PDB file of N, CA and C in Angstrom:
ATOM      1  N   MET A   1      50.903 -13.464  31.068  1.00  0.00           N
ATOM      2  CA  MET A   1      49.974 -13.063  32.130  1.00  0.00           C
ATOM      3  C   MET A   1      50.205 -11.678  32.408  1.00  0.00           C
ATOM      4  N   LYS A   2      49.263 -10.697  32.726  1.00  0.00           N
ATOM      5  CA  LYS A   2      49.622  -9.522  33.359  1.00  0.00           C
ATOM      6  C   LYS A   2      48.475  -9.150  34.194  1.00  0.00           C
ATOM      7  N   ARG A   3      48.829  -7.928  34.929  1.00  0.00           N
ATOM      8  CA  ARG A   3      47.599  -7.218  36.026  1.00  0.00           C
ATOM      9  C   ARG A   3      47.760  -5.812  35.624  1.00  0.00           C
ATOM     10  N   VAL A   4      46.491  -5.178  35.387  1.00  0.00           N
ATOM     11  CA  VAL A   4      46.558  -3.866  35.443  1.00  0.00           C
ATOM     12  C   VAL A   4      45.867  -3.061  36.195  1.00  0.00           C
ATOM     13  N   LYS A   5      46.088  -1.856  36.631  1.00  0.00           N
ATOM     14  CA  LYS A   5      45.066  -0.916  37.038  1.00  0.00           C
ATOM     15  C   LYS A   5      45.070   0.219  36.383  1.00  0.00           C
ATOM     16  N   VAL A   6      43.514   0.614  35.952  1.00  0.00           N
ATOM     17  CA  VAL A   6      43.056   1.639  35.289  1.00  0.00           C
ATOM     18  C   VAL A   6      42.447   2.661  35.798  1.00  0.00           C
ATOM     19  N   ILE A   7      42.391   3.679  35.794  1.00  0.00           N
ATOM     20  CA  ILE A   7      41.557   5.011  36.172  1.00  0.00           C
ATOM     21  C   ILE A   7      40.906   5.515  35.004  1.00  0.00           C
ATOM     22  N   VAL A   8      39.792   5.297  34.593  1.00  0.00           N
ATOM     23  CA  VAL A   8      38.825   5.735  33.828  1.00  0.00           C
ATOM     24  C   VAL A   8      38.486   7.086  33.980  1.00  0.00           C
ATOM     25  N   GLU A   9      38.691   8.215  33.104  1.00  0.00           N
ATOM     26  CA  GLU A   9      38.404   9.454  33.399  1.00  0.00           C
ATOM     27  C   GLU A   9      37.320   9.832  32.314  1.00  0.00           C
ATOM     28  N   GLY A  10      36.227  10.607  32.649  1.00  0.00           N
ATOM     29  CA  GLY A  10      35.286  10.939  31.888  1.00  0.00           C
ATOM     30  C   GLY A  10      33.991  10.936  32.612  1.00  0.00           C
ATOM     31  N   LYS A  11      32.911  10.737  31.391  1.00  0.00           N
ATOM     32  CA  LYS A  11      31.645  10.563  32.161  1.00  0.00           C
ATOM     33  C   LYS A  11      31.416   9.173  32.333  1.00  0.00           C
ATOM     34  N   VAL A  12      31.695   8.571  33.233  1.00  0.00           N
ATOM     35  CA  VAL A  12      31.847   7.228  33.440  1.00  0.00           C
ATOM     36  C   VAL A  12      30.933   6.744  34.793  1.00  0.00           C
ATOM     37  N   GLN A  13      30.260   7.292  35.254  1.00  0.00           N
ATOM     38  CA  GLN A  13      29.379   6.957  36.336  1.00  0.00           C
ATOM     39  C   GLN A  13      28.009   7.473  36.226  1.00  0.00           C
ATOM     40  N   GLY A  14      27.103   6.425  36.374  1.00  0.00           N
ATOM     41  CA  GLY A  14      25.658   6.377  35.969  1.00  0.00           C
ATOM     42  C   GLY A  14      25.567   6.291  34.556  1.00  0.00           C
ATOM     43  N   VAL A  15      26.297   5.559  34.021  1.00  0.00           N
ATOM     44  CA  VAL A  15      25.915   4.918  32.341  1.00  0.00           C
ATOM     45  C   VAL A  15      26.104   3.719  32.392  1.00  0.00           C
ATOM     46  N   PHE A  16      26.219   2.777  33.330  1.00  0.00           N
ATOM     47  CA  PHE A  16      26.090   1.312  33.328  1.00  0.00           C
ATOM     48  C   PHE A  16      27.661   0.957  32.785  1.00  0.00           C
ATOM     49  N   PHE A  17      28.646   1.688  33.521  1.00  0.00           N
ATOM     50  CA  PHE A  17      30.047   1.328  33.231  1.00  0.00           C
ATOM     51  C   PHE A  17      30.464   0.304  33.978  1.00  0.00           C
ATOM     52  N   ARG A  18      30.327   0.201  35.299  1.00  0.00           N
ATOM     53  CA  ARG A  18      30.674  -1.043  35.842  1.00  0.00           C
ATOM     54  C   ARG A  18      30.124  -2.147  35.411  1.00  0.00           C
ATOM     55  N   GLN A  19      28.901  -2.417  35.361  1.00  0.00           N
ATOM     56  CA  GLN A  19      28.381  -3.597  34.781  1.00  0.00           C
ATOM     57  C   GLN A  19      28.589  -3.817  33.419  1.00  0.00           C
ATOM     58  N   SER A  20      28.956  -3.000  32.556  1.00  0.00           N
ATOM     59  CA  SER A  20      29.429  -3.199  31.298  1.00  0.00           C
ATOM     60  C   SER A  20      30.611  -3.711  31.174  1.00  0.00           C
ATOM     61  N   THR A  21      31.820  -3.184  32.083  1.00  0.00           N
ATOM     62  CA  THR A  21      32.984  -3.557  32.143  1.00  0.00           C
ATOM     63  C   THR A  21      33.120  -5.158  32.716  1.00  0.00           C
ATOM     64  N   LYS A  22      32.102  -5.419  33.937  1.00  0.00           N
ATOM     65  CA  LYS A  22      32.216  -6.816  34.395  1.00  0.00           C
ATOM     66  C   LYS A  22      31.777  -7.783  33.192  1.00  0.00           C
ATOM     67  N   GLU A  23      30.627  -7.303  32.548  1.00  0.00           N
ATOM     68  CA  GLU A  23      30.409  -8.441  31.360  1.00  0.00           C
ATOM     69  C   GLU A  23      31.578  -8.489  30.413  1.00  0.00           C
ATOM     70  N   VAL A  24      32.133  -7.264  29.935  1.00  0.00           N
ATOM     71  CA  VAL A  24      33.237  -7.925  29.169  1.00  0.00           C
ATOM     72  C   VAL A  24      34.417  -8.648  29.607  1.00  0.00           C
ATOM     73  N   ALA A  25      34.820  -8.175  30.964  1.00  0.00           N
ATOM     74  CA  ALA A  25      35.897  -8.622  31.630  1.00  0.00           C
ATOM     75  C   ALA A  25      35.633 -10.330  31.761  1.00  0.00           C
ATOM     76  N   VAL A  26      34.514 -10.567  32.197  1.00  0.00           N
ATOM     77  CA  VAL A  26      33.937 -12.343  32.424  1.00  0.00           C
ATOM     78  C   VAL A  26      34.061 -12.887  31.099  1.00  0.00           C
ATOM     79  N   SER A  27      33.659 -12.234  29.920  1.00  0.00           N
ATOM     80  CA  SER A  27      33.762 -12.750  28.623  1.00  0.00           C
ATOM     81  C   SER A  27      35.401 -13.096  28.301  1.00  0.00           C
ATOM     82  N   LEU A  28      36.284 -12.412  28.692  1.00  0.00           N
ATOM     83  CA  LEU A  28      37.256 -12.361  28.366  1.00  0.00           C
ATOM     84  C   LEU A  28      38.449 -13.207  29.567  1.00  0.00           C
ATOM     85  N   GLY A  29      37.726 -13.810  30.310  1.00  0.00           N
ATOM     86  CA  GLY A  29      38.162 -14.924  31.259  1.00  0.00           C
ATOM     87  C   GLY A  29      38.917 -14.014  32.337  1.00  0.00           C
ATOM     88  N   LEU A  30      39.144 -12.940  32.744  1.00  0.00           N
ATOM     89  CA  LEU A  30      39.732 -11.888  33.619  1.00  0.00           C
ATOM     90  C   LEU A  30      39.443 -12.143  34.975  1.00  0.00           C
ATOM     91  N   SER A  31      40.087 -12.134  35.748  1.00  0.00           N
ATOM     92  CA  SER A  31      39.968 -11.758  37.332  1.00  0.00           C
ATOM     93  C   SER A  31      39.907 -10.267  37.531  1.00  0.00           C
ATOM     94  N   GLY A  32      39.508  -9.719  38.890  1.00  0.00           N
ATOM     95  CA  GLY A  32      39.808  -8.437  39.248  1.00  0.00           C
ATOM     96  C   GLY A  32      38.275  -7.790  39.540  1.00  0.00           C
ATOM     97  N   TYR A  33      38.110  -6.582  39.626  1.00  0.00           N
ATOM     98  CA  TYR A  33      37.149  -5.818  39.832  1.00  0.00           C
ATOM     99  C   TYR A  33      37.002  -4.200  39.328  1.00  0.00           C
ATOM    100  N   VAL A  34      35.945  -4.105  39.332  1.00  0.00           N
ATOM    101  CA  VAL A  34      35.789  -2.494  38.860  1.00  0.00           C
ATOM    102  C   VAL A  34      34.865  -1.714  40.013  1.00  0.00           C
ATOM    103  N   LYS A  35      35.330  -0.578  40.290  1.00  0.00           N
ATOM    104  CA  LYS A  35      34.495   0.452  41.093  1.00  0.00           C
ATOM    105  C   LYS A  35      34.546   1.839  41.153  1.00  0.00           C
ATOM    106  N   ASN A  36      33.333   2.532  41.135  1.00  0.00           N
ATOM    107  CA  ASN A  36      33.341   3.701  41.308  1.00  0.00           C
ATOM    108  C   ASN A  36      34.215   4.642  42.373  1.00  0.00           C
ATOM    109  N   LEU A  37      34.695   5.714  41.976  1.00  0.00           N
ATOM    110  CA  LEU A  37      35.527   6.464  42.770  1.00  0.00           C
ATOM    111  C   LEU A  37      34.872   7.694  43.349  1.00  0.00           C
ATOM    112  N   LYS A  38      35.213   8.342  44.561  1.00  0.00           N
ATOM    113  CA  LYS A  38      34.622   9.255  44.856  1.00  0.00           C
ATOM    114  C   LYS A  38      34.510  10.737  44.029  1.00  0.00           C
ATOM    115  N   ASP A  39      35.776  10.762  43.318  1.00  0.00           N
ATOM    116  CA  ASP A  39      35.910  12.003  42.162  1.00  0.00           C
ATOM    117  C   ASP A  39      35.568  11.892  41.108  1.00  0.00           C
ATOM    118  N   GLY A  40      34.322  10.677  40.730  1.00  0.00           N
ATOM    119  CA  GLY A  40      33.696  10.677  39.544  1.00  0.00           C
ATOM    120  C   GLY A  40      34.103   9.682  38.519  1.00  0.00           C
ATOM    121  N   ASN A  41      35.450   9.278  38.760  1.00  0.00           N
ATOM    122  CA  ASN A  41      36.085   8.299  37.687  1.00  0.00           C
ATOM    123  C   ASN A  41      35.681   7.232  38.155  1.00  0.00           C
ATOM    124  N   VAL A  42      36.406   5.933  37.457  1.00  0.00           N
ATOM    125  CA  VAL A  42      36.074   4.582  37.520  1.00  0.00           C
ATOM    126  C   VAL A  42      37.484   3.929  37.786  1.00  0.00           C
ATOM    127  N   GLU A  43      37.535   2.794  38.773  1.00  0.00           N
ATOM    128  CA  GLU A  43      39.044   2.109  38.788  1.00  0.00           C
ATOM    129  C   GLU A  43      38.716   0.762  38.410  1.00  0.00           C
ATOM    130  N   VAL A  44      39.275  -0.026  37.547  1.00  0.00           N
ATOM    131  CA  VAL A  44      39.408  -1.096  37.009  1.00  0.00           C
ATOM    132  C   VAL A  44      40.775  -1.573  37.346  1.00  0.00           C
ATOM    133  N   VAL A  45      40.638  -3.022  37.926  1.00  0.00           N
ATOM    134  CA  VAL A  45      42.068  -3.850  38.208  1.00  0.00           C
ATOM    135  C   VAL A  45      41.505  -4.926  37.466  1.00  0.00           C
ATOM    136  N   ALA A  46      42.376  -5.802  36.367  1.00  0.00           N
ATOM    137  CA  ALA A  46      42.219  -6.820  35.874  1.00  0.00           C
ATOM    138  C   ALA A  46      43.424  -7.482  35.466  1.00  0.00           C
ATOM    139  N   GLU A  47      43.356  -8.930  35.801  1.00  0.00           N
ATOM    140  CA  GLU A  47      44.494  -9.897  35.551  1.00  0.00           C
ATOM    141  C   GLU A  47      43.992 -11.095  34.398  1.00  0.00           C
ATOM    142  N   GLY A  48      44.906 -11.269  33.831  1.00  0.00           N
ATOM    143  CA  GLY A  48      44.691 -12.505  32.861  1.00  0.00           C
ATOM    144  C   GLY A  48      45.775 -12.604  31.834  1.00  0.00           C
ATOM    145  N   GLU A  49      45.413 -13.475  31.014  1.00  0.00           N
ATOM    146  CA  GLU A  49      46.302 -13.532  29.522  1.00  0.00           C
ATOM    147  C   GLU A  49      46.496 -12.162  29.003  1.00  0.00           C
ATOM    148  N   ASP A  50      47.550 -11.919  28.310  1.00  0.00           N
ATOM    149  CA  ASP A  50      48.049 -10.371  27.810  1.00  0.00           C
ATOM    150  C   ASP A  50      46.805 -10.149  26.801  1.00  0.00           C
ATOM    151  N   GLU A  51      46.515 -10.852  25.924  1.00  0.00           N
ATOM    152  CA  GLU A  51      45.642 -10.463  24.872  1.00  0.00           C
ATOM    153  C   GLU A  51      44.313 -10.153  25.415  1.00  0.00           C
ATOM    154  N   SER A  52      43.639 -10.931  26.631  1.00  0.00           N
ATOM    155  CA  SER A  52      42.540 -10.653  27.023  1.00  0.00           C
ATOM    156  C   SER A  52      42.593  -9.134  27.551  1.00  0.00           C
ATOM    157  N   VAL A  53      43.699  -9.173  28.367  1.00  0.00           N
ATOM    158  CA  VAL A  53      43.820  -7.619  29.258  1.00  0.00           C
ATOM    159  C   VAL A  53      43.844  -6.483  28.137  1.00  0.00           C
ATOM    160  N   GLU A  54      44.572  -6.836  27.128  1.00  0.00           N
ATOM    161  CA  GLU A  54      44.696  -5.852  25.986  1.00  0.00           C
ATOM    162  C   GLU A  54      43.593  -5.572  25.341  1.00  0.00           C
ATOM    163  N   LYS A  55      42.431  -6.581  25.288  1.00  0.00           N
ATOM    164  CA  LYS A  55      41.181  -6.545  24.379  1.00  0.00           C
ATOM    165  C   LYS A  55      40.398  -5.637  25.665  1.00  0.00           C
ATOM    166  N   LEU A  56      40.434  -5.848  26.724  1.00  0.00           N
ATOM    167  CA  LEU A  56      39.512  -4.981  27.701  1.00  0.00           C
ATOM    168  C   LEU A  56      40.099  -3.454  27.888  1.00  0.00           C
ATOM    169  N   LEU A  57      41.528  -3.301  27.674  1.00  0.00           N
ATOM    170  CA  LEU A  57      41.935  -1.835  27.667  1.00  0.00           C
ATOM    171  C   LEU A  57      41.560  -1.209  26.183  1.00  0.00           C
ATOM    172  N   GLN A  58      41.208  -2.029  25.249  1.00  0.00           N
ATOM    173  CA  GLN A  58      40.893  -1.096  24.086  1.00  0.00           C
ATOM    174  C   GLN A  58      39.363  -1.038  24.360  1.00  0.00           C
ATOM    175  N   TRP A  59      38.692  -1.746  25.168  1.00  0.00           N
ATOM    176  CA  TRP A  59      37.269  -1.464  25.072  1.00  0.00           C
ATOM    177  C   TRP A  59      37.071  -0.428  26.238  1.00  0.00           C
ATOM    178  N   LEU A  60      38.001  -0.374  27.003  1.00  0.00           N
ATOM    179  CA  LEU A  60      37.835   0.819  27.987  1.00  0.00           C
ATOM    180  C   LEU A  60      37.947   2.135  27.627  1.00  0.00           C
ATOM    181  N   LYS A  61      38.722   2.237  26.387  1.00  0.00           N
ATOM    182  CA  LYS A  61      38.712   3.657  25.668  1.00  0.00           C
ATOM    183  C   LYS A  61      37.618   4.288  25.473  1.00  0.00           C
ATOM    184  N   LYS A  62      36.693   3.138  25.028  1.00  0.00           N
ATOM    185  CA  LYS A  62      35.334   4.010  24.603  1.00  0.00           C
ATOM    186  C   LYS A  62      34.319   3.719  25.723  1.00  0.00           C
ATOM    187  N   GLY A  63      34.180   2.435  26.327  1.00  0.00           N
ATOM    188  CA  GLY A  63      33.354   2.051  27.267  1.00  0.00           C
ATOM    189  C   GLY A  63      31.859   1.705  26.622  1.00  0.00           C
ATOM    190  N   PRO A  64      30.690   1.728  27.488  1.00  0.00           N
ATOM    191  CA  PRO A  64      29.458   1.431  26.913  1.00  0.00           C
ATOM    192  C   PRO A  64      29.207   2.588  26.113  1.00  0.00           C
ATOM    193  N   PRO A  65      27.879   2.497  25.642  1.00  0.00           N
ATOM    194  CA  PRO A  65      27.321   3.657  24.627  1.00  0.00           C
ATOM    195  C   PRO A  65      27.187   4.881  25.296  1.00  0.00           C
ATOM    196  N   LEU A  66      26.617   4.955  26.435  1.00  0.00           N
ATOM    197  CA  LEU A  66      25.934   6.474  27.222  1.00  0.00           C
ATOM    198  C   LEU A  66      27.659   6.920  27.810  1.00  0.00           C
ATOM    199  N   ALA A  67      28.776   6.105  27.730  1.00  0.00           N
ATOM    200  CA  ALA A  67      30.009   6.955  28.558  1.00  0.00           C
ATOM    201  C   ALA A  67      30.601   7.597  27.495  1.00  0.00           C
ATOM    202  N   LYS A  68      31.446   8.746  28.216  1.00  0.00           N
ATOM    203  CA  LYS A  68      32.375   9.509  27.451  1.00  0.00           C
ATOM    204  C   LYS A  68      33.612   9.452  28.186  1.00  0.00           C
ATOM    205  N   VAL A  69      34.488   8.552  27.629  1.00  0.00           N
ATOM    206  CA  VAL A  69      35.866   8.384  28.274  1.00  0.00           C
ATOM    207  C   VAL A  69      36.959   9.255  27.746  1.00  0.00           C
ATOM    208  N   VAL A  70      37.421  10.016  28.630  1.00  0.00           N
ATOM    209  CA  VAL A  70      38.254  11.133  28.464  1.00  0.00           C
ATOM    210  C   VAL A  70      39.788  10.850  28.354  1.00  0.00           C
ATOM    211  N   ASP A  71      40.202  10.041  29.173  1.00  0.00           N
ATOM    212  CA  ASP A  71      41.498   9.646  29.374  1.00  0.00           C
ATOM    213  C   ASP A  71      41.560   8.423  30.378  1.00  0.00           C
ATOM    214  N   LEU A  72      42.841   7.338  30.141  1.00  0.00           N
ATOM    215  CA  LEU A  72      42.849   6.291  31.034  1.00  0.00           C
ATOM    216  C   LEU A  72      44.467   6.302  31.548  1.00  0.00           C
ATOM    217  N   GLN A  73      44.333   6.171  32.932  1.00  0.00           N
ATOM    218  CA  GLN A  73      45.545   6.256  33.608  1.00  0.00           C
ATOM    219  C   GLN A  73      46.218   4.747  33.816  1.00  0.00           C
ATOM    220  N   LEU A  74      46.942   4.410  33.262  1.00  0.00           N
ATOM    221  CA  LEU A  74      47.332   2.767  33.338  1.00  0.00           C
ATOM    222  C   LEU A  74      48.521   2.530  34.083  1.00  0.00           C
ATOM    223  N   GLU A  75      48.598   1.429  35.014  1.00  0.00           N
ATOM    224  CA  GLU A  75      49.535   1.163  35.965  1.00  0.00           C
ATOM    225  C   GLU A  75      49.511  -0.550  35.821  1.00  0.00           C
ATOM    226  N   TYR A  76      50.816  -0.864  35.596  1.00  0.00           N
ATOM    227  CA  TYR A  76      51.016  -2.367  35.391  1.00  0.00           C
ATOM    228  C   TYR A  76      51.151  -2.869  37.056  1.00  0.00           C
ATOM    229  N   LEU A  77      50.474  -3.877  37.697  1.00  0.00           N
ATOM    230  CA  LEU A  77      50.948  -4.169  38.911  1.00  0.00           C
ATOM    231  C   LEU A  77      51.511  -5.744  39.067  1.00  0.00           C
ATOM    232  N   PRO A  78      52.064  -6.102  40.034  1.00  0.00           N
ATOM    233  CA  PRO A  78      52.387  -7.535  39.937  1.00  0.00           C
ATOM    234  C   PRO A  78      51.384  -8.536  39.960  1.00  0.00           C
ATOM    235  N   LEU A  79      51.574  -9.455  39.458  1.00  0.00           N
ATOM    236  CA  LEU A  79      50.536 -10.872  39.234  1.00  0.00           C
ATOM    237  C   LEU A  79      50.072 -11.259  40.778  1.00  0.00           C
ATOM    238  N   THR A  80      48.781 -11.610  40.864  1.00  0.00           N
ATOM    239  CA  THR A  80      48.438 -12.290  42.235  1.00  0.00           C
ATOM    240  C   THR A  80      48.040 -13.801  41.783  1.00  0.00           C
ATOM    241  N   ASN A  81      47.902 -14.143  40.656  1.00  0.00           N
ATOM    242  CA  ASN A  81      47.349 -15.681  40.218  1.00  0.00           C
ATOM    243  C   ASN A  81      46.037 -15.877  40.954  1.00  0.00           C
ATOM    244  N   ASP A  82      45.149 -14.672  41.056  1.00  0.00           N
ATOM    245  CA  ASP A  82      43.938 -14.577  41.526  1.00  0.00           C
ATOM    246  C   ASP A  82      43.072 -15.420  40.595  1.00  0.00           C
ATOM    247  N   LYS A  83      42.350 -16.109  40.815  1.00  0.00           N
ATOM    248  CA  LYS A  83      41.336 -16.926  39.884  1.00  0.00           C
ATOM    249  C   LYS A  83      39.972 -16.679  40.125  1.00  0.00           C
ATOM    250  N   SER A  84      39.535 -15.719  40.968  1.00  0.00           N
ATOM    251  CA  SER A  84      38.250 -15.643  41.207  1.00  0.00           C
ATOM    252  C   SER A  84      37.371 -14.777  39.910  1.00  0.00           C
ATOM    253  N   GLU A  85      36.203 -14.772  40.090  1.00  0.00           N
ATOM    254  CA  GLU A  85      35.451 -14.133  38.944  1.00  0.00           C
ATOM    255  C   GLU A  85      35.317 -12.369  38.980  1.00  0.00           C
ATOM    256  N   PHE A  86      35.633 -11.990  37.944  1.00  0.00           N
ATOM    257  CA  PHE A  86      35.503 -10.384  37.942  1.00  0.00           C
ATOM    258  C   PHE A  86      33.996  -9.808  38.612  1.00  0.00           C
ATOM    259  N   SER A  87      34.525  -8.905  39.480  1.00  0.00           N
ATOM    260  CA  SER A  87      33.496  -8.331  40.339  1.00  0.00           C
ATOM    261  C   SER A  87      33.237  -6.825  40.319  1.00  0.00           C
ATOM    262  N   ILE A  88      32.169  -6.525  40.762  1.00  0.00           N
ATOM    263  CA  ILE A  88      31.767  -4.939  40.863  1.00  0.00           C
ATOM    264  C   ILE A  88      31.909  -4.708  42.431  1.00  0.00           C
ATOM    265  N   VAL A  89      32.742  -3.629  42.808  1.00  0.00           N
ATOM    266  CA  VAL A  89      32.872  -3.338  44.319  1.00  0.00           C
ATOM    267  C   VAL A  89      32.169  -2.137  44.458  1.00  0.00           C
ATOM    268  N   TYR A  90      31.188  -2.103  45.564  1.00  0.00           N
ATOM    269  CA  TYR A  90      30.457  -1.291  45.869  1.00  0.00           C
ATOM    270  C   TYR A  90      30.728  -0.529  47.139  1.00  0.00           C
TER     271      TYR A  90
END
């Protein structure tokens, strides 16, 4: 199990990034959230099985079709054992 916080930089707002991230995360059985940041980036916090988190990280490198991801800032966080469904924070 692992928990990560990722700041996704690039053209990632207004391209269905949050909704697409939620769909991928839910399909992988992850908990956490995705939200837009005021600086134009997107923050993702995800927790779950190592392999599922790694699959999400690989997906975040490209994102949905209209996105243009420039960089990912990755930080490992302590586990919370939160079992709630992945959500979009507005």
